């Protein structure tokens, strides 16, 4: 396990949801915020999923965000614990989700490209910036985002993010492990 990782745990729910995180996320999150903004400002990104006045997904080449390495290593470590297969044969795609005040993320899943595991890591999560809502049968789990925390779940699990009611940007990076790169 990476030295900077917190204890990994399974949350109580019908479908398994896991959480973990970095012990000292501040330097990593500062680098990621700076690298994200530089790539967006320079036009070194591709944005998709335009809903309600914003792009939900921002794709940046991994070379433009070297600060992502500790997060990717942590997420891969957790994926090895969760998946009952060799994750080194799986591709790991990622994208950023930047939610300005007044924005939310619509209900969706990640199962369309043979994914095996999904994750979200919080870079900036101000108070009131919107809970992650995990839907399972007739239940909804509210997960308050915390900078430095990662949440992992099956790609078939419906999820969404509440309205960002803070005055700040809510920034996260999502991951999918699957058979093909998306």
C-alpha atoms as a PDB file:
ATOM      1  CA  UNK A   1       0.000   0.000   0.000  1.00  0.00           C
ATOM      2  CA  UNK A   2       1.336   3.489  -0.772  1.00  0.00           C
ATOM      3  CA  UNK A   3       2.728   5.270   2.299  1.00  0.00           C
ATOM      4  CA  UNK A   4       0.303   8.161   1.817  1.00  0.00           C
ATOM      5  CA  UNK A   5      -2.878   6.063   1.898  1.00  0.00           C
ATOM      6  CA  UNK A   6      -5.388   5.927   4.706  1.00  0.00           C
ATOM      7  CA  UNK A   7      -7.074   2.763   5.832  1.00  0.00           C
ATOM      8  CA  UNK A   8      -9.264   1.253   3.144  1.00  0.00           C
ATOM      9  CA  UNK A   9     -12.814   0.331   4.154  1.00  0.00           C
ATOM     10  CA  UNK A  10     -16.092  -1.001   2.813  1.00  0.00           C
ATOM     11  CA  UNK A  11     -19.188   1.077   3.472  1.00  0.00           C
ATOM     12  CA  UNK A  12     -22.412  -0.650   4.481  1.00  0.00           C
ATOM     13  CA  UNK A  13     -24.743  -0.912   1.486  1.00  0.00           C
ATOM     14  CA  UNK A  14     -26.462  -3.566  -0.632  1.00  0.00           C
ATOM     15  CA  UNK A  15     -23.933  -3.178  -3.449  1.00  0.00           C
ATOM     16  CA  UNK A  16     -20.428  -2.652  -2.099  1.00  0.00           C
ATOM     17  CA  UNK A  17     -19.051   0.870  -1.947  1.00  0.00           C
ATOM     18  CA  UNK A  18     -15.496   1.418  -0.701  1.00  0.00           C
ATOM     19  CA  UNK A  19     -13.613   4.425   0.598  1.00  0.00           C
ATOM     20  CA  UNK A  20      -9.984   5.266   1.161  1.00  0.00           C
ATOM     21  CA  UNK A  21      -7.744   8.254   0.740  1.00  0.00           C
ATOM     22  CA  UNK A  22      -4.451  10.017   1.084  1.00  0.00           C
ATOM     23  CA  UNK A  23      -3.100  10.891   4.526  1.00  0.00           C
ATOM     24  CA  UNK A  24      -1.559  14.159   3.317  1.00  0.00           C
ATOM     25  CA  UNK A  25      -3.607  15.183   0.273  1.00  0.00           C
ATOM     26  CA  UNK A  26      -2.906  18.929   0.347  1.00  0.00           C
ATOM     27  CA  UNK A  27       0.306  18.982  -1.772  1.00  0.00           C
ATOM     28  CA  UNK A  28      -1.163  16.487  -4.253  1.00  0.00           C
ATOM     29  CA  UNK A  29      -4.410  18.428  -4.526  1.00  0.00           C
ATOM     30  CA  UNK A  30      -2.605  21.760  -4.969  1.00  0.00           C
ATOM     31  CA  UNK A  31      -0.566  20.288  -7.854  1.00  0.00           C
ATOM     32  CA  UNK A  32      -3.645  18.720  -9.451  1.00  0.00           C
ATOM     33  CA  UNK A  33      -5.643  21.944  -9.217  1.00  0.00           C
ATOM     34  CA  UNK A  34      -2.793  23.920 -10.812  1.00  0.00           C
ATOM     35  CA  UNK A  35      -2.168  21.321 -13.552  1.00  0.00           C
ATOM     36  CA  UNK A  36      -5.894  21.015 -14.302  1.00  0.00           C
ATOM     37  CA  UNK A  37      -6.298  24.794 -14.639  1.00  0.00           C
ATOM     38  CA  UNK A  38      -3.157  25.153 -16.789  1.00  0.00           C
ATOM     39  CA  UNK A  39      -4.371  22.449 -19.185  1.00  0.00           C
ATOM     40  CA  UNK A  40      -7.855  23.972 -19.443  1.00  0.00           C
ATOM     41  CA  UNK A  41      -6.506  27.519 -19.889  1.00  0.00           C
ATOM     42  CA  UNK A  42      -4.127  26.314 -22.636  1.00  0.00           C
ATOM     43  CA  UNK A  43      -6.900  24.382 -24.393  1.00  0.00           C
ATOM     44  CA  UNK A  44      -5.085  21.084 -23.760  1.00  0.00           C
ATOM     45  CA  UNK A  45      -8.257  19.186 -22.952  1.00  0.00           C
ATOM     46  CA  UNK A  46     -11.373  17.670 -24.454  1.00  0.00           C
ATOM     47  CA  UNK A  47     -14.761  18.181 -22.846  1.00  0.00           C
ATOM     48  CA  UNK A  48     -17.879  16.025 -23.202  1.00  0.00           C
ATOM     49  CA  UNK A  49     -21.344  15.502 -21.714  1.00  0.00           C
ATOM     50  CA  UNK A  50     -22.772  19.024 -21.951  1.00  0.00           C
ATOM     51  CA  UNK A  51     -25.751  19.165 -19.581  1.00  0.00           C
ATOM     52  CA  UNK A  52     -27.400  22.109 -17.844  1.00  0.00           C
ATOM     53  CA  UNK A  53     -24.869  24.667 -19.060  1.00  0.00           C
ATOM     54  CA  UNK A  54     -21.617  22.828 -18.354  1.00  0.00           C
ATOM     55  CA  UNK A  55     -19.407  20.015 -19.561  1.00  0.00           C
ATOM     56  CA  UNK A  56     -19.435  17.210 -16.995  1.00  0.00           C
ATOM     57  CA  UNK A  57     -16.238  15.522 -18.230  1.00  0.00           C
ATOM     58  CA  UNK A  58     -12.858  17.116 -18.957  1.00  0.00           C
ATOM     59  CA  UNK A  59     -10.228  14.801 -20.448  1.00  0.00           C
ATOM     60  CA  UNK A  60      -6.561  15.766 -20.150  1.00  0.00           C
ATOM     61  CA  UNK A  61      -3.601  13.694 -21.357  1.00  0.00           C
ATOM     62  CA  UNK A  62      -1.817  12.094 -18.417  1.00  0.00           C
ATOM     63  CA  UNK A  63       1.464  13.836 -19.372  1.00  0.00           C
ATOM     64  CA  UNK A  64      -0.202  17.200 -18.610  1.00  0.00           C
ATOM     65  CA  UNK A  65      -1.130  16.149 -15.058  1.00  0.00           C
ATOM     66  CA  UNK A  66       1.934  14.482 -13.486  1.00  0.00           C
ATOM     67  CA  UNK A  67       0.481  15.267 -10.050  1.00  0.00           C
ATOM     68  CA  UNK A  68      -2.124  12.585 -10.713  1.00  0.00           C
ATOM     69  CA  UNK A  69       0.424   9.760 -10.239  1.00  0.00           C
ATOM     70  CA  UNK A  70       0.001   9.328  -6.444  1.00  0.00           C
ATOM     71  CA  UNK A  71      -3.784   9.250  -6.837  1.00  0.00           C
ATOM     72  CA  UNK A  72      -3.641   6.757  -9.711  1.00  0.00           C
ATOM     73  CA  UNK A  73      -1.278   4.528  -7.717  1.00  0.00           C
ATOM     74  CA  UNK A  74      -3.621   4.609  -4.719  1.00  0.00           C
ATOM     75  CA  UNK A  75      -6.704   3.853  -6.838  1.00  0.00           C
ATOM     76  CA  UNK A  76      -4.899   0.970  -8.593  1.00  0.00           C
ATOM     77  CA  UNK A  77      -3.875  -0.427  -5.192  1.00  0.00           C
ATOM     78  CA  UNK A  78      -7.485  -0.393  -3.997  1.00  0.00           C
ATOM     79  CA  UNK A  79      -8.704  -1.871  -7.303  1.00  0.00           C
ATOM     80  CA  UNK A  80      -6.344  -4.819  -6.772  1.00  0.00           C
ATOM     81  CA  UNK A  81      -8.048  -5.462  -3.424  1.00  0.00           C
ATOM     82  CA  UNK A  82     -11.588  -5.192  -4.815  1.00  0.00           C
ATOM     83  CA  UNK A  83     -11.408  -6.949  -8.189  1.00  0.00           C
ATOM     84  CA  UNK A  84     -10.892 -10.664  -8.419  1.00  0.00           C
ATOM     85  CA  UNK A  85      -8.729 -10.421 -11.536  1.00  0.00           C
ATOM     86  CA  UNK A  86      -5.418  -9.086 -12.732  1.00  0.00           C
ATOM     87  CA  UNK A  87      -5.973  -5.336 -12.947  1.00  0.00           C
ATOM     88  CA  UNK A  88      -2.740  -4.867 -14.887  1.00  0.00           C
ATOM     89  CA  UNK A  89      -4.550  -6.211 -17.953  1.00  0.00           C
ATOM     90  CA  UNK A  90      -7.318  -3.632 -17.489  1.00  0.00           C
ATOM     91  CA  UNK A  91      -7.140  -0.134 -18.872  1.00  0.00           C
ATOM     92  CA  UNK A  92      -7.573   2.756 -16.484  1.00  0.00           C
ATOM     93  CA  UNK A  93      -9.248   5.825 -17.949  1.00  0.00           C
ATOM     94  CA  UNK A  94      -9.757   9.084 -16.059  1.00  0.00           C
ATOM     95  CA  UNK A  95     -11.436  12.466 -16.441  1.00  0.00           C
ATOM     96  CA  UNK A  96     -11.932  15.563 -14.318  1.00  0.00           C
ATOM     97  CA  UNK A  97     -15.296  16.845 -13.149  1.00  0.00           C
ATOM     98  CA  UNK A  98     -15.358  20.573 -12.362  1.00  0.00           C
ATOM     99  CA  UNK A  99     -18.588  21.825 -10.801  1.00  0.00           C
ATOM    100  CA  UNK A 100     -18.958  25.559 -10.379  1.00  0.00           C
ATOM    101  CA  UNK A 101     -21.466  26.913  -7.847  1.00  0.00           C
ATOM    102  CA  UNK A 102     -25.021  26.155  -8.957  1.00  0.00           C
ATOM    103  CA  UNK A 103     -24.104  23.036 -10.961  1.00  0.00           C
ATOM    104  CA  UNK A 104     -24.846  19.364 -10.381  1.00  0.00           C
ATOM    105  CA  UNK A 105     -24.108  16.055 -12.105  1.00  0.00           C
ATOM    106  CA  UNK A 106     -26.998  14.056 -13.510  1.00  0.00           C
ATOM    107  CA  UNK A 107     -27.886  10.470 -12.579  1.00  0.00           C
ATOM    108  CA  UNK A 108     -25.802   7.987 -14.601  1.00  0.00           C
ATOM    109  CA  UNK A 109     -23.784   4.754 -14.603  1.00  0.00           C
ATOM    110  CA  UNK A 110     -20.444   3.762 -16.187  1.00  0.00           C
ATOM    111  CA  UNK A 111     -21.275   0.328 -17.551  1.00  0.00           C
ATOM    112  CA  UNK A 112     -21.389   1.016 -21.277  1.00  0.00           C
ATOM    113  CA  UNK A 113     -17.764   0.084 -22.121  1.00  0.00           C
ATOM    114  CA  UNK A 114     -17.202  -3.153 -20.165  1.00  0.00           C
ATOM    115  CA  UNK A 115     -15.896  -1.342 -17.096  1.00  0.00           C
ATOM    116  CA  UNK A 116     -15.177  -3.393 -13.979  1.00  0.00           C
ATOM    117  CA  UNK A 117     -14.764  -0.649 -11.341  1.00  0.00           C
ATOM    118  CA  UNK A 118     -15.412   3.085 -11.039  1.00  0.00           C
ATOM    119  CA  UNK A 119     -13.885   5.569  -8.599  1.00  0.00           C
ATOM    120  CA  UNK A 120     -13.928   9.267  -7.753  1.00  0.00           C
ATOM    121  CA  UNK A 121     -11.155  11.169  -5.965  1.00  0.00           C
ATOM    122  CA  UNK A 122     -11.896  14.594  -4.469  1.00  0.00           C
ATOM    123  CA  UNK A 123      -9.381  17.351  -5.171  1.00  0.00           C
ATOM    124  CA  UNK A 124     -11.412  20.305  -3.894  1.00  0.00           C
ATOM    125  CA  UNK A 125     -14.612  19.716  -1.952  1.00  0.00           C
ATOM    126  CA  UNK A 126     -15.814  22.848  -0.166  1.00  0.00           C
ATOM    127  CA  UNK A 127     -18.563  22.633   2.443  1.00  0.00           C
ATOM    128  CA  UNK A 128     -21.943  22.520   0.680  1.00  0.00           C
ATOM    129  CA  UNK A 129     -20.493  21.574  -2.709  1.00  0.00           C
ATOM    130  CA  UNK A 130     -22.840  18.613  -3.150  1.00  0.00           C
ATOM    131  CA  UNK A 131     -22.963  15.058  -1.835  1.00  0.00           C
ATOM    132  CA  UNK A 132     -22.319  12.051  -4.042  1.00  0.00           C
ATOM    133  CA  UNK A 133     -25.597  10.127  -4.169  1.00  0.00           C
ATOM    134  CA  UNK A 134     -25.243   6.383  -4.689  1.00  0.00           C
ATOM    135  CA  UNK A 135     -28.519   4.669  -5.651  1.00  0.00           C
ATOM    136  CA  UNK A 136     -29.158   1.019  -4.893  1.00  0.00           C
ATOM    137  CA  UNK A 137     -32.619  -0.472  -5.182  1.00  0.00           C
ATOM    138  CA  UNK A 138     -34.803   1.678  -2.926  1.00  0.00           C
ATOM    139  CA  UNK A 139     -31.934   3.232  -0.989  1.00  0.00           C
ATOM    140  CA  UNK A 140     -29.801   6.306  -1.561  1.00  0.00           C
ATOM    141  CA  UNK A 141     -26.468   6.697   0.201  1.00  0.00           C
ATOM    142  CA  UNK A 142     -25.284  10.303   0.700  1.00  0.00           C
ATOM    143  CA  UNK A 143     -21.508  10.591   0.728  1.00  0.00           C
ATOM    144  CA  UNK A 144     -20.121  13.972   1.707  1.00  0.00           C
ATOM    145  CA  UNK A 145     -17.046  14.727  -0.419  1.00  0.00           C
ATOM    146  CA  UNK A 146     -13.778  15.240   1.437  1.00  0.00           C
ATOM    147  CA  UNK A 147     -10.608  16.461  -0.291  1.00  0.00           C
ATOM    148  CA  UNK A 148      -8.155  13.560  -0.451  1.00  0.00           C
ATOM    149  CA  UNK A 149     -10.842  10.887  -0.216  1.00  0.00           C
ATOM    150  CA  UNK A 150     -11.580   8.266  -2.883  1.00  0.00           C
ATOM    151  CA  UNK A 151     -14.863   6.383  -3.292  1.00  0.00           C
ATOM    152  CA  UNK A 152     -14.943   3.160  -5.367  1.00  0.00           C
ATOM    153  CA  UNK A 153     -18.017   1.278  -6.616  1.00  0.00           C
ATOM    154  CA  UNK A 154     -19.279  -0.941  -9.390  1.00  0.00           C
ATOM    155  CA  UNK A 155     -19.833   0.747 -12.765  1.00  0.00           C
ATOM    156  CA  UNK A 156     -23.444  -0.470 -12.817  1.00  0.00           C
ATOM    157  CA  UNK A 157     -24.285   1.550  -9.694  1.00  0.00           C
ATOM    158  CA  UNK A 158     -26.407   4.634 -10.517  1.00  0.00           C
ATOM    159  CA  UNK A 159     -24.957   7.800  -9.013  1.00  0.00           C
ATOM    160  CA  UNK A 160     -25.240  11.585  -9.210  1.00  0.00           C
ATOM    161  CA  UNK A 161     -23.976  14.695  -7.441  1.00  0.00           C
ATOM    162  CA  UNK A 162     -26.152  17.219  -5.659  1.00  0.00           C
ATOM    163  CA  UNK A 163     -26.140  20.922  -6.496  1.00  0.00           C
ATOM    164  CA  UNK A 164     -22.959  22.779  -5.574  1.00  0.00           C
ATOM    165  CA  UNK A 165     -24.319  25.305  -3.083  1.00  0.00           C
ATOM    166  CA  UNK A 166     -20.887  26.593  -2.075  1.00  0.00           C
ATOM    167  CA  UNK A 167     -19.168  29.675  -3.504  1.00  0.00           C
ATOM    168  CA  UNK A 168     -16.228  27.604  -4.800  1.00  0.00           C
ATOM    169  CA  UNK A 169     -15.289  25.112  -7.474  1.00  0.00           C
ATOM    170  CA  UNK A 170     -15.834  21.439  -6.603  1.00  0.00           C
ATOM    171  CA  UNK A 171     -13.115  19.499  -8.441  1.00  0.00           C
ATOM    172  CA  UNK A 172     -12.771  15.734  -8.647  1.00  0.00           C
ATOM    173  CA  UNK A 173     -11.194  13.148 -10.897  1.00  0.00           C
ATOM    174  CA  UNK A 174     -13.056   9.975 -11.867  1.00  0.00           C
ATOM    175  CA  UNK A 175     -11.578   6.643 -12.923  1.00  0.00           C
ATOM    176  CA  UNK A 176     -12.855   3.577 -14.753  1.00  0.00           C
ATOM    177  CA  UNK A 177     -11.072   0.231 -14.903  1.00  0.00           C
ATOM    178  CA  UNK A 178     -12.245  -1.810 -17.852  1.00  0.00           C
ATOM    179  CA  UNK A 179     -11.502  -3.965 -20.863  1.00  0.00           C
ATOM    180  CA  UNK A 180     -11.436  -1.042 -23.268  1.00  0.00           C
ATOM    181  CA  UNK A 181     -10.283   2.557 -22.917  1.00  0.00           C
ATOM    182  CA  UNK A 182     -13.019   5.196 -22.928  1.00  0.00           C
END
